[in-house]
């Protein structure tokens, strides 16, 4: 067994980190050149308006143009997935930002709605291929919602906007990757067939 050298381990670790970094695709926080759809719920509007203003501001600060941001208002959070999917299917948007606010009440209604909204947004993103940012607050109390819409916990609308910009960039970076070379895969297949004979 070879002796372990802490210095050598550090050098290997650094080389590995560089290799990983060179092979990593990541989105930038740059919204310029992208089009965004924002779906926002009118229910709990005193919260969702704060989310919307902050998301809009986040996109502009990230380089988006006002003409490239479109807003769709829906009655409540339950309607967000349907509107998000409709926007995504137009092919006009690089990312969709979903904003809403659900507050727990005394019945199971909250749990049902939370699950359906979450599932619907995820399913829309997967099936359309358009990134969807989840900015739907799911809070126990009104105080929690207020904190997450601009007070103690930052603003989740702003965070959703940044996530949308980053995912739009990541999708573009992935789509620009060259396809695997077919000649290499054919050569491998031919050589593996020869070995089997």
N, C-alpha and C. Protein backbone atom coordinates (compact mmCIF):
# COMPACT_ATOMS: atom_id res chain seq x y z
N UNK A 1 0.84 -1.18 0.00
CA UNK A 1 0.00 0.00 0.00
C UNK A 1 0.88 1.24 0.00
N UNK A 2 0.53 2.21 -0.87
CA UNK A 2 1.32 3.43 -0.97
C UNK A 2 1.06 4.33 0.23
N UNK A 3 2.10 5.05 0.61
CA UNK A 3 1.96 6.00 1.72
C UNK A 3 1.12 7.19 1.25
N UNK A 4 0.29 7.67 2.14
CA UNK A 4 -0.58 8.81 1.83
C UNK A 4 0.18 10.10 2.08
N UNK A 5 0.23 10.95 1.09
CA UNK A 5 0.90 12.24 1.22
C UNK A 5 -0.13 13.36 1.19
N UNK A 6 -0.26 14.13 2.27
CA UNK A 6 -1.23 15.24 2.28
C UNK A 6 -0.99 16.25 1.17
N UNK A 7 0.31 16.52 0.85
CA UNK A 7 0.61 17.47 -0.22
C UNK A 7 0.13 16.95 -1.57
N UNK A 8 0.40 15.69 -1.83
CA UNK A 8 -0.02 15.11 -3.10
C UNK A 8 -1.54 15.08 -3.20
N UNK A 9 -2.20 14.79 -2.08
CA UNK A 9 -3.67 14.76 -2.07
C UNK A 9 -4.23 16.14 -2.43
N UNK A 10 -3.61 17.19 -1.88
CA UNK A 10 -4.07 18.54 -2.18
C UNK A 10 -3.90 18.87 -3.66
N UNK A 11 -2.77 18.47 -4.24
CA UNK A 11 -2.53 18.71 -5.67
C UNK A 11 -3.55 17.96 -6.52
N UNK A 12 -3.82 16.71 -6.15
CA UNK A 12 -4.80 15.90 -6.88
C UNK A 12 -6.19 16.51 -6.74
N UNK A 13 -6.50 16.95 -5.54
CA UNK A 13 -7.80 17.56 -5.28
C UNK A 13 -7.98 18.83 -6.12
N UNK A 14 -6.91 19.63 -6.23
CA UNK A 14 -6.96 20.86 -7.03
C UNK A 14 -7.16 20.53 -8.51
N UNK A 15 -6.43 19.53 -9.01
CA UNK A 15 -6.56 19.12 -10.41
C UNK A 15 -7.96 18.59 -10.68
N UNK A 16 -8.49 17.81 -9.75
CA UNK A 16 -9.84 17.28 -9.91
C UNK A 16 -10.86 18.41 -9.93
N UNK A 17 -10.69 19.39 -9.05
CA UNK A 17 -11.60 20.54 -9.01
C UNK A 17 -11.58 21.30 -10.33
N UNK A 18 -10.38 21.48 -10.90
CA UNK A 18 -10.26 22.17 -12.19
C UNK A 18 -10.94 21.38 -13.31
N UNK A 19 -10.79 20.06 -13.29
CA UNK A 19 -11.45 19.22 -14.30
C UNK A 19 -12.96 19.32 -14.17
N UNK A 20 -13.44 19.27 -12.95
CA UNK A 20 -14.88 19.36 -12.72
C UNK A 20 -15.39 20.71 -13.20
N UNK A 21 -14.68 21.78 -12.87
CA UNK A 21 -15.10 23.12 -13.27
C UNK A 21 -15.13 23.25 -14.79
N UNK A 22 -14.15 22.66 -15.48
CA UNK A 22 -14.11 22.77 -16.94
C UNK A 22 -15.22 21.98 -17.62
N UNK A 23 -15.78 20.99 -16.93
CA UNK A 23 -16.85 20.18 -17.51
C UNK A 23 -18.24 20.59 -17.05
N UNK A 24 -18.31 21.60 -16.21
CA UNK A 24 -19.59 22.02 -15.63
C UNK A 24 -20.28 23.06 -16.50
N UNK A 25 -21.55 22.81 -16.77
CA UNK A 25 -22.40 23.80 -17.44
C UNK A 25 -23.21 24.49 -16.36
N UNK A 26 -23.27 25.81 -16.41
CA UNK A 26 -24.05 26.56 -15.43
C UNK A 26 -24.63 27.79 -16.10
N UNK A 27 -25.79 28.18 -15.64
CA UNK A 27 -26.43 29.38 -16.17
C UNK A 27 -25.88 30.62 -15.50
N UNK A 28 -25.92 31.73 -16.22
CA UNK A 28 -25.49 33.01 -15.68
C UNK A 28 -26.72 33.77 -15.18
N UNK A 29 -26.48 34.71 -14.30
CA UNK A 29 -27.57 35.57 -13.83
C UNK A 29 -27.69 36.76 -14.77
N UNK A 30 -27.97 36.46 -16.02
CA UNK A 30 -28.07 37.49 -17.05
C UNK A 30 -29.35 37.25 -17.84
N UNK A 31 -30.30 38.14 -17.71
CA UNK A 31 -31.60 37.98 -18.36
C UNK A 31 -31.67 38.66 -19.73
N UNK A 32 -30.58 39.29 -20.15
CA UNK A 32 -30.62 40.01 -21.43
C UNK A 32 -30.76 39.04 -22.59
N UNK A 33 -31.64 39.42 -23.52
CA UNK A 33 -31.86 38.59 -24.70
C UNK A 33 -32.88 37.48 -24.51
N UNK A 34 -33.48 37.38 -23.34
CA UNK A 34 -34.48 36.35 -23.06
C UNK A 34 -35.85 36.98 -22.88
N UNK A 35 -36.88 36.17 -23.12
CA UNK A 35 -38.27 36.61 -22.90
C UNK A 35 -38.84 35.82 -21.72
N UNK A 36 -39.56 36.52 -20.86
CA UNK A 36 -40.09 35.90 -19.65
C UNK A 36 -41.60 36.10 -19.54
N UNK A 37 -42.28 35.07 -19.13
CA UNK A 37 -43.68 35.15 -18.80
C UNK A 37 -43.81 35.05 -17.28
N UNK A 38 -44.60 35.93 -16.70
CA UNK A 38 -44.85 35.88 -15.25
C UNK A 38 -46.33 35.59 -15.05
N UNK A 39 -46.62 34.53 -14.32
CA UNK A 39 -48.00 34.20 -13.97
C UNK A 39 -48.17 34.51 -12.49
N UNK A 40 -49.13 35.38 -12.18
CA UNK A 40 -49.30 35.82 -10.79
C UNK A 40 -50.76 35.68 -10.38
N UNK A 41 -50.96 35.17 -9.18
CA UNK A 41 -52.29 34.98 -8.62
C UNK A 41 -52.83 36.28 -8.03
N UNK A 42 -54.13 36.53 -8.24
CA UNK A 42 -54.75 37.72 -7.61
C UNK A 42 -55.16 37.42 -6.17
N UNK A 43 -55.38 36.17 -5.83
CA UNK A 43 -55.76 35.83 -4.45
C UNK A 43 -54.58 36.15 -3.53
N UNK A 44 -54.85 36.76 -2.40
CA UNK A 44 -53.82 37.28 -1.49
C UNK A 44 -52.96 38.32 -2.21
N UNK A 45 -53.64 39.21 -2.93
CA UNK A 45 -52.99 40.18 -3.80
C UNK A 45 -52.03 41.11 -3.07
N UNK A 46 -52.31 41.41 -1.82
CA UNK A 46 -51.40 42.29 -1.08
C UNK A 46 -50.03 41.64 -0.90
N UNK A 47 -49.95 40.32 -1.00
CA UNK A 47 -48.66 39.61 -0.96
C UNK A 47 -48.13 39.40 -2.39
N UNK A 48 -49.00 38.92 -3.29
CA UNK A 48 -48.53 38.58 -4.63
C UNK A 48 -48.08 39.81 -5.42
N UNK A 49 -48.66 40.98 -5.14
CA UNK A 49 -48.19 42.20 -5.80
C UNK A 49 -46.75 42.52 -5.40
N UNK A 50 -46.42 42.28 -4.15
CA UNK A 50 -45.03 42.49 -3.70
C UNK A 50 -44.09 41.52 -4.42
N UNK A 51 -44.53 40.27 -4.55
CA UNK A 51 -43.73 39.27 -5.27
C UNK A 51 -43.53 39.69 -6.73
N UNK A 52 -44.62 40.15 -7.35
CA UNK A 52 -44.56 40.56 -8.75
C UNK A 52 -43.62 41.74 -8.95
N UNK A 53 -43.76 42.77 -8.12
CA UNK A 53 -42.89 43.94 -8.27
C UNK A 53 -41.42 43.57 -8.12
N UNK A 54 -41.15 42.69 -7.18
CA UNK A 54 -39.76 42.29 -6.94
C UNK A 54 -39.23 41.40 -8.07
N UNK A 55 -40.07 40.51 -8.60
CA UNK A 55 -39.65 39.66 -9.72
C UNK A 55 -39.36 40.52 -10.95
N UNK A 56 -40.24 41.48 -11.21
CA UNK A 56 -40.08 42.39 -12.34
C UNK A 56 -38.76 43.17 -12.19
N UNK A 57 -38.54 43.69 -11.01
CA UNK A 57 -37.31 44.42 -10.72
C UNK A 57 -36.08 43.52 -10.89
N UNK A 58 -36.18 42.29 -10.42
CA UNK A 58 -35.06 41.34 -10.54
C UNK A 58 -34.70 41.07 -11.99
N UNK A 59 -35.71 40.93 -12.85
CA UNK A 59 -35.45 40.71 -14.27
C UNK A 59 -34.78 41.92 -14.90
N UNK A 60 -35.29 43.11 -14.58
CA UNK A 60 -34.70 44.33 -15.14
C UNK A 60 -33.26 44.53 -14.68
N UNK A 61 -33.01 44.28 -13.41
CA UNK A 61 -31.65 44.40 -12.88
C UNK A 61 -30.71 43.37 -13.50
N UNK A 62 -31.27 42.25 -13.94
CA UNK A 62 -30.46 41.19 -14.56
C UNK A 62 -30.27 41.41 -16.05
N UNK A 63 -30.83 42.48 -16.59
CA UNK A 63 -30.59 42.80 -17.98
C UNK A 63 -31.76 42.59 -18.93
N UNK A 64 -32.91 42.14 -18.44
CA UNK A 64 -34.07 41.95 -19.31
C UNK A 64 -34.62 43.31 -19.74
N UNK A 65 -35.24 43.34 -20.89
CA UNK A 65 -35.90 44.55 -21.38
C UNK A 65 -37.37 44.49 -21.00
N UNK A 66 -37.96 45.62 -20.72
CA UNK A 66 -39.38 45.66 -20.34
C UNK A 66 -40.27 45.01 -21.39
N UNK A 67 -39.93 45.18 -22.66
CA UNK A 67 -40.74 44.61 -23.75
C UNK A 67 -40.69 43.07 -23.76
N UNK A 68 -39.72 42.48 -23.06
CA UNK A 68 -39.56 41.03 -23.04
C UNK A 68 -40.16 40.37 -21.80
N UNK A 69 -40.90 41.14 -21.02
CA UNK A 69 -41.54 40.62 -19.80
C UNK A 69 -43.04 40.77 -19.97
N UNK A 70 -43.76 39.65 -19.88
CA UNK A 70 -45.22 39.67 -20.02
C UNK A 70 -45.85 39.05 -18.78
N UNK A 71 -46.93 39.66 -18.33
CA UNK A 71 -47.58 39.24 -17.08
C UNK A 71 -48.98 38.72 -17.36
N UNK A 72 -49.27 37.55 -16.79
CA UNK A 72 -50.62 36.98 -16.87
C UNK A 72 -51.16 36.87 -15.45
N UNK A 73 -52.32 37.46 -15.20
CA UNK A 73 -52.94 37.37 -13.88
C UNK A 73 -54.01 36.29 -13.89
N UNK A 74 -54.01 35.47 -12.85
CA UNK A 74 -54.99 34.39 -12.72
C UNK A 74 -55.73 34.57 -11.39
N UNK A 75 -56.93 33.98 -11.26
CA UNK A 75 -57.71 34.19 -10.03
C UNK A 75 -57.00 33.72 -8.76
N UNK A 76 -56.45 32.52 -8.79
CA UNK A 76 -55.81 31.97 -7.60
C UNK A 76 -54.64 31.10 -7.97
N UNK A 77 -53.96 30.56 -6.96
CA UNK A 77 -52.79 29.74 -7.22
C UNK A 77 -53.11 28.46 -7.98
N UNK A 78 -54.32 27.93 -7.79
CA UNK A 78 -54.70 26.71 -8.48
C UNK A 78 -54.65 26.89 -10.00
N UNK A 79 -54.89 28.09 -10.48
CA UNK A 79 -54.91 28.36 -11.92
C UNK A 79 -53.52 28.66 -12.50
N UNK A 80 -52.51 28.79 -11.66
CA UNK A 80 -51.16 29.11 -12.13
C UNK A 80 -50.62 28.06 -13.11
N UNK A 81 -50.67 26.76 -12.80
CA UNK A 81 -50.09 25.79 -13.74
C UNK A 81 -50.71 25.83 -15.14
N UNK A 82 -52.01 26.01 -15.22
CA UNK A 82 -52.67 26.05 -16.52
C UNK A 82 -52.19 27.25 -17.34
N UNK A 83 -52.13 28.41 -16.73
CA UNK A 83 -51.66 29.61 -17.43
C UNK A 83 -50.19 29.49 -17.78
N UNK A 84 -49.39 28.94 -16.88
CA UNK A 84 -47.96 28.77 -17.14
C UNK A 84 -47.74 27.85 -18.34
N UNK A 85 -48.50 26.77 -18.39
CA UNK A 85 -48.38 25.84 -19.50
C UNK A 85 -48.81 26.50 -20.82
N UNK A 86 -49.88 27.27 -20.78
CA UNK A 86 -50.36 27.96 -21.98
C UNK A 86 -49.28 28.90 -22.51
N UNK A 87 -48.66 29.66 -21.62
CA UNK A 87 -47.56 30.56 -22.03
C UNK A 87 -46.39 29.76 -22.59
N UNK A 88 -46.00 28.70 -21.90
CA UNK A 88 -44.85 27.90 -22.33
C UNK A 88 -45.08 27.28 -23.70
N UNK A 89 -46.30 26.83 -23.96
CA UNK A 89 -46.60 26.16 -25.23
C UNK A 89 -46.60 27.11 -26.43
N UNK A 90 -46.66 28.42 -26.19
CA UNK A 90 -46.60 29.36 -27.31
C UNK A 90 -45.23 29.37 -27.96
N UNK A 91 -44.21 28.97 -27.23
CA UNK A 91 -42.85 29.00 -27.74
C UNK A 91 -42.23 30.38 -27.73
N UNK A 92 -42.92 31.35 -27.15
CA UNK A 92 -42.44 32.74 -27.14
C UNK A 92 -41.55 33.06 -25.94
N UNK A 93 -41.54 32.18 -24.93
CA UNK A 93 -40.86 32.51 -23.68
C UNK A 93 -39.72 31.55 -23.39
N UNK A 94 -38.65 32.11 -22.84
CA UNK A 94 -37.48 31.31 -22.46
C UNK A 94 -37.63 30.76 -21.04
N UNK A 95 -38.46 31.38 -20.23
CA UNK A 95 -38.72 30.91 -18.87
C UNK A 95 -40.03 31.51 -18.38
N UNK A 96 -40.66 30.79 -17.47
CA UNK A 96 -41.92 31.22 -16.86
C UNK A 96 -41.69 31.36 -15.36
N UNK A 97 -42.19 32.45 -14.79
CA UNK A 97 -42.09 32.68 -13.35
C UNK A 97 -43.49 32.57 -12.76
N UNK A 98 -43.66 31.69 -11.80
CA UNK A 98 -44.96 31.43 -11.19
C UNK A 98 -44.99 32.03 -9.79
N UNK A 99 -45.94 32.96 -9.55
CA UNK A 99 -46.02 33.67 -8.27
C UNK A 99 -47.41 33.53 -7.66
N UNK A 100 -47.45 33.16 -6.41
CA UNK A 100 -48.72 33.04 -5.70
C UNK A 100 -48.47 32.98 -4.20
N UNK A 101 -49.56 32.92 -3.45
CA UNK A 101 -49.44 32.85 -2.00
C UNK A 101 -50.58 32.00 -1.44
N UNK A 102 -50.20 30.92 -0.77
CA UNK A 102 -51.17 30.04 -0.13
C UNK A 102 -50.95 30.07 1.37
N UNK A 103 -52.02 30.34 2.11
CA UNK A 103 -51.95 30.38 3.57
C UNK A 103 -52.78 29.24 4.14
N UNK A 104 -52.20 28.53 5.11
CA UNK A 104 -52.90 27.40 5.71
C UNK A 104 -54.14 27.89 6.45
N UNK A 105 -55.23 27.20 6.24
CA UNK A 105 -56.47 27.53 6.95
C UNK A 105 -56.82 26.41 7.91
N UNK A 106 -58.09 26.30 8.23
CA UNK A 106 -58.54 25.30 9.19
C UNK A 106 -58.94 23.98 8.54
N UNK A 107 -58.94 23.92 7.20
CA UNK A 107 -59.37 22.70 6.52
C UNK A 107 -58.22 22.12 5.70
N UNK A 108 -58.46 20.98 5.08
CA UNK A 108 -57.45 20.30 4.26
C UNK A 108 -57.30 20.95 2.89
N UNK A 109 -58.08 21.98 2.60
CA UNK A 109 -58.04 22.66 1.30
C UNK A 109 -56.62 23.10 0.94
N UNK A 110 -55.90 23.64 1.91
CA UNK A 110 -54.54 24.13 1.70
C UNK A 110 -53.64 23.01 1.16
N UNK A 111 -53.65 21.85 1.80
CA UNK A 111 -52.80 20.74 1.39
C UNK A 111 -53.10 20.28 -0.03
N UNK A 112 -54.38 20.21 -0.35
CA UNK A 112 -54.79 19.79 -1.70
C UNK A 112 -54.28 20.78 -2.74
N UNK A 113 -54.48 22.06 -2.49
CA UNK A 113 -54.07 23.10 -3.45
C UNK A 113 -52.55 23.13 -3.59
N UNK A 114 -51.82 23.10 -2.48
CA UNK A 114 -50.36 23.13 -2.52
C UNK A 114 -49.83 22.00 -3.39
N UNK A 115 -50.33 20.79 -3.16
CA UNK A 115 -49.86 19.63 -3.92
C UNK A 115 -50.16 19.76 -5.40
N UNK A 116 -51.36 20.22 -5.74
CA UNK A 116 -51.74 20.34 -7.15
C UNK A 116 -50.97 21.45 -7.86
N UNK A 117 -50.77 22.56 -7.19
CA UNK A 117 -50.03 23.67 -7.80
C UNK A 117 -48.58 23.25 -8.06
N UNK A 118 -47.97 22.65 -7.06
CA UNK A 118 -46.58 22.21 -7.19
C UNK A 118 -46.45 21.17 -8.30
N UNK A 119 -47.31 20.18 -8.31
CA UNK A 119 -47.27 19.13 -9.32
C UNK A 119 -47.50 19.72 -10.71
N UNK A 120 -48.49 20.60 -10.82
CA UNK A 120 -48.83 21.18 -12.11
C UNK A 120 -47.72 22.02 -12.70
N UNK A 121 -47.06 22.82 -11.87
CA UNK A 121 -45.96 23.65 -12.36
C UNK A 121 -44.78 22.76 -12.80
N UNK A 122 -44.46 21.77 -12.00
CA UNK A 122 -43.38 20.85 -12.35
C UNK A 122 -43.68 20.09 -13.63
N UNK A 123 -44.90 19.62 -13.76
CA UNK A 123 -45.29 18.86 -14.95
C UNK A 123 -45.25 19.75 -16.19
N UNK A 124 -45.69 20.98 -16.08
CA UNK A 124 -45.64 21.91 -17.20
C UNK A 124 -44.21 22.14 -17.66
N UNK A 125 -43.31 22.34 -16.71
CA UNK A 125 -41.90 22.56 -17.05
C UNK A 125 -41.31 21.34 -17.75
N UNK A 126 -41.59 20.16 -17.21
CA UNK A 126 -41.03 18.94 -17.79
C UNK A 126 -41.58 18.66 -19.18
N UNK A 127 -42.87 18.84 -19.36
CA UNK A 127 -43.48 18.47 -20.63
C UNK A 127 -43.30 19.49 -21.73
N UNK A 128 -43.12 20.76 -21.38
CA UNK A 128 -42.92 21.79 -22.41
C UNK A 128 -41.44 22.04 -22.68
N UNK A 129 -40.58 21.70 -21.72
CA UNK A 129 -39.15 21.97 -21.88
C UNK A 129 -38.78 23.41 -21.58
N UNK A 130 -39.72 24.19 -21.13
CA UNK A 130 -39.46 25.59 -20.77
C UNK A 130 -39.26 25.67 -19.26
N UNK A 131 -38.15 26.23 -18.80
CA UNK A 131 -37.94 26.34 -17.35
C UNK A 131 -39.05 27.15 -16.67
N UNK A 132 -39.50 26.67 -15.52
CA UNK A 132 -40.49 27.37 -14.70
C UNK A 132 -39.86 27.63 -13.33
N UNK A 133 -39.92 28.86 -12.86
CA UNK A 133 -39.42 29.20 -11.54
C UNK A 133 -40.58 29.21 -10.56
N UNK A 134 -40.39 28.57 -9.42
CA UNK A 134 -41.45 28.40 -8.43
C UNK A 134 -41.35 29.52 -7.39
N UNK A 135 -42.26 30.48 -7.49
CA UNK A 135 -42.32 31.58 -6.53
C UNK A 135 -43.66 31.62 -5.82
N UNK A 136 -44.20 30.44 -5.54
CA UNK A 136 -45.49 30.34 -4.84
C UNK A 136 -45.20 30.12 -3.36
N UNK A 137 -45.59 31.09 -2.55
CA UNK A 137 -45.39 30.96 -1.11
C UNK A 137 -46.39 29.98 -0.53
N UNK A 138 -45.91 29.09 0.33
CA UNK A 138 -46.79 28.15 1.02
C UNK A 138 -46.51 28.34 2.52
N UNK A 139 -47.31 29.16 3.16
CA UNK A 139 -47.02 29.60 4.52
C UNK A 139 -48.10 29.17 5.51
N UNK A 140 -47.67 29.04 6.73
CA UNK A 140 -48.58 28.71 7.82
C UNK A 140 -49.38 29.94 8.26
N UNK A 141 -48.72 31.09 8.23
CA UNK A 141 -49.34 32.31 8.75
C UNK A 141 -49.13 33.48 7.79
N UNK A 142 -49.94 34.51 7.97
CA UNK A 142 -49.79 35.73 7.19
C UNK A 142 -48.44 36.39 7.47
N UNK A 143 -47.97 36.33 8.71
CA UNK A 143 -46.69 36.93 9.06
C UNK A 143 -45.55 36.29 8.27
N UNK A 144 -45.59 34.96 8.11
CA UNK A 144 -44.57 34.27 7.31
C UNK A 144 -44.60 34.75 5.87
N UNK A 145 -45.80 34.91 5.33
CA UNK A 145 -45.93 35.38 3.95
C UNK A 145 -45.36 36.79 3.78
N UNK A 146 -45.67 37.66 4.73
CA UNK A 146 -45.16 39.03 4.66
C UNK A 146 -43.63 39.03 4.74
N UNK A 147 -43.08 38.20 5.62
CA UNK A 147 -41.62 38.10 5.74
C UNK A 147 -40.97 37.64 4.44
N UNK A 148 -41.62 36.74 3.71
CA UNK A 148 -41.05 36.19 2.48
C UNK A 148 -41.35 37.05 1.25
N UNK A 149 -42.16 38.08 1.45
CA UNK A 149 -42.49 38.98 0.35
C UNK A 149 -41.84 40.34 0.54
N UNK A 150 -40.69 40.36 1.19
CA UNK A 150 -39.94 41.60 1.26
C UNK A 150 -39.47 42.06 2.61
N UNK A 151 -39.81 41.36 3.68
CA UNK A 151 -39.31 41.82 4.98
C UNK A 151 -38.11 40.99 5.43
N UNK A 152 -38.26 40.18 6.45
CA UNK A 152 -37.13 39.49 7.07
C UNK A 152 -36.46 38.44 6.18
N UNK A 153 -37.21 37.78 5.33
CA UNK A 153 -36.68 36.65 4.56
C UNK A 153 -36.37 37.02 3.11
N UNK A 154 -36.17 38.28 2.81
CA UNK A 154 -35.94 38.68 1.43
C UNK A 154 -37.24 38.65 0.66
N UNK A 155 -37.16 38.54 -0.65
CA UNK A 155 -38.37 38.47 -1.46
C UNK A 155 -38.27 37.28 -2.41
N UNK A 156 -39.16 36.35 -2.26
CA UNK A 156 -39.14 35.12 -3.07
C UNK A 156 -39.47 35.40 -4.53
N UNK A 157 -40.12 36.50 -4.83
CA UNK A 157 -40.35 36.88 -6.21
C UNK A 157 -39.04 37.23 -6.91
N UNK A 158 -38.21 37.97 -6.22
CA UNK A 158 -36.89 38.34 -6.74
C UNK A 158 -36.06 37.08 -6.98
N UNK A 159 -36.08 36.17 -6.00
CA UNK A 159 -35.32 34.92 -6.11
C UNK A 159 -35.82 34.08 -7.28
N UNK A 160 -37.13 34.03 -7.50
CA UNK A 160 -37.69 33.27 -8.62
C UNK A 160 -37.25 33.87 -9.95
N UNK A 161 -37.19 35.20 -10.03
CA UNK A 161 -36.73 35.86 -11.25
C UNK A 161 -35.29 35.50 -11.56
N UNK A 162 -34.44 35.51 -10.56
CA UNK A 162 -33.04 35.15 -10.77
C UNK A 162 -32.90 33.68 -11.18
N UNK A 163 -33.71 32.82 -10.57
CA UNK A 163 -33.69 31.40 -10.95
C UNK A 163 -34.13 31.23 -12.40
N UNK A 164 -35.13 31.99 -12.83
CA UNK A 164 -35.61 31.90 -14.21
C UNK A 164 -34.53 32.35 -15.19
N UNK A 165 -33.84 33.44 -14.88
CA UNK A 165 -32.76 33.92 -15.74
C UNK A 165 -31.64 32.89 -15.82
N UNK A 166 -31.29 32.33 -14.69
CA UNK A 166 -30.21 31.34 -14.66
C UNK A 166 -30.59 30.08 -15.45
N UNK A 167 -31.83 29.62 -15.30
CA UNK A 167 -32.25 28.42 -16.02
C UNK A 167 -32.38 28.67 -17.52
N UNK A 168 -32.80 29.85 -17.92
CA UNK A 168 -32.86 30.17 -19.36
C UNK A 168 -31.46 30.14 -19.95
N UNK A 169 -30.49 30.67 -19.23
CA UNK A 169 -29.09 30.62 -19.67
C UNK A 169 -28.56 29.20 -19.71
N UNK A 170 -28.89 28.41 -18.70
CA UNK A 170 -28.43 27.02 -18.66
C UNK A 170 -28.99 26.22 -19.83
N UNK A 171 -30.27 26.42 -20.12
CA UNK A 171 -30.88 25.71 -21.25
C UNK A 171 -30.18 26.07 -22.55
N UNK A 172 -29.87 27.35 -22.72
CA UNK A 172 -29.16 27.78 -23.92
C UNK A 172 -27.77 27.15 -23.97
N UNK A 173 -27.07 27.12 -22.84
CA UNK A 173 -25.73 26.53 -22.81
C UNK A 173 -25.76 25.04 -23.15
N UNK A 174 -26.75 24.34 -22.63
CA UNK A 174 -26.88 22.91 -22.92
C UNK A 174 -27.19 22.68 -24.39
N UNK A 175 -28.08 23.48 -24.95
CA UNK A 175 -28.47 23.29 -26.35
C UNK A 175 -27.34 23.62 -27.31
N UNK A 176 -26.35 24.37 -26.86
CA UNK A 176 -25.20 24.71 -27.71
C UNK A 176 -24.10 23.66 -27.66
N UNK A 177 -24.24 22.66 -26.80
CA UNK A 177 -23.24 21.60 -26.72
C UNK A 177 -23.24 20.80 -28.02
N UNK A 178 -22.05 20.51 -28.56
CA UNK A 178 -22.02 19.72 -29.79
C UNK A 178 -22.53 18.30 -29.53
N UNK A 179 -23.23 17.73 -30.51
CA UNK A 179 -23.72 16.35 -30.31
C UNK A 179 -22.55 15.39 -30.28
N UNK A 180 -22.77 14.21 -29.69
CA UNK A 180 -21.74 13.19 -29.67
C UNK A 180 -21.41 12.80 -31.10
N UNK A 181 -20.15 12.57 -31.34
CA UNK A 181 -19.73 12.18 -32.68
C UNK A 181 -20.21 10.77 -32.99
N UNK A 182 -20.90 10.60 -34.11
CA UNK A 182 -21.41 9.28 -34.49
C UNK A 182 -20.29 8.37 -34.94
N UNK A 183 -19.22 8.94 -35.51
CA UNK A 183 -18.12 8.09 -35.97
C UNK A 183 -17.43 7.41 -34.80
N UNK A 184 -17.27 8.11 -33.69
CA UNK A 184 -16.65 7.50 -32.52
C UNK A 184 -17.50 6.36 -31.99
N UNK A 185 -18.80 6.58 -31.90
CA UNK A 185 -19.66 5.52 -31.37
C UNK A 185 -19.71 4.33 -32.32
N UNK A 186 -19.67 4.56 -33.64
CA UNK A 186 -19.65 3.46 -34.60
C UNK A 186 -18.35 2.68 -34.49
N UNK A 187 -17.23 3.39 -34.29
CA UNK A 187 -15.94 2.73 -34.14
C UNK A 187 -15.94 1.87 -32.89
N UNK A 188 -16.48 2.38 -31.79
CA UNK A 188 -16.55 1.59 -30.55
C UNK A 188 -17.40 0.35 -30.74
N UNK A 189 -18.53 0.50 -31.43
CA UNK A 189 -19.42 -0.64 -31.66
C UNK A 189 -18.72 -1.69 -32.51
N UNK A 190 -18.02 -1.27 -33.56
CA UNK A 190 -17.32 -2.22 -34.44
C UNK A 190 -16.21 -2.94 -33.68
N UNK A 191 -15.46 -2.20 -32.84
CA UNK A 191 -14.36 -2.84 -32.10
C UNK A 191 -14.89 -3.79 -31.03
N UNK A 192 -16.04 -3.47 -30.42
CA UNK A 192 -16.61 -4.38 -29.42
C UNK A 192 -17.14 -5.65 -30.08
N UNK A 193 -17.64 -5.56 -31.31
CA UNK A 193 -18.12 -6.74 -32.04
C UNK A 193 -16.95 -7.65 -32.39
N UNK A 194 -15.79 -7.05 -32.77
CA UNK A 194 -14.61 -7.85 -33.09
C UNK A 194 -14.14 -8.62 -31.85
N UNK A 195 -14.17 -7.97 -30.69
CA UNK A 195 -13.72 -8.63 -29.46
C UNK A 195 -14.59 -9.82 -29.11
N UNK A 196 -15.89 -9.70 -29.38
CA UNK A 196 -16.83 -10.78 -29.05
C UNK A 196 -16.63 -11.99 -29.94
N UNK A 197 -16.14 -11.80 -31.20
CA UNK A 197 -15.99 -12.92 -32.12
C UNK A 197 -14.86 -13.83 -31.79
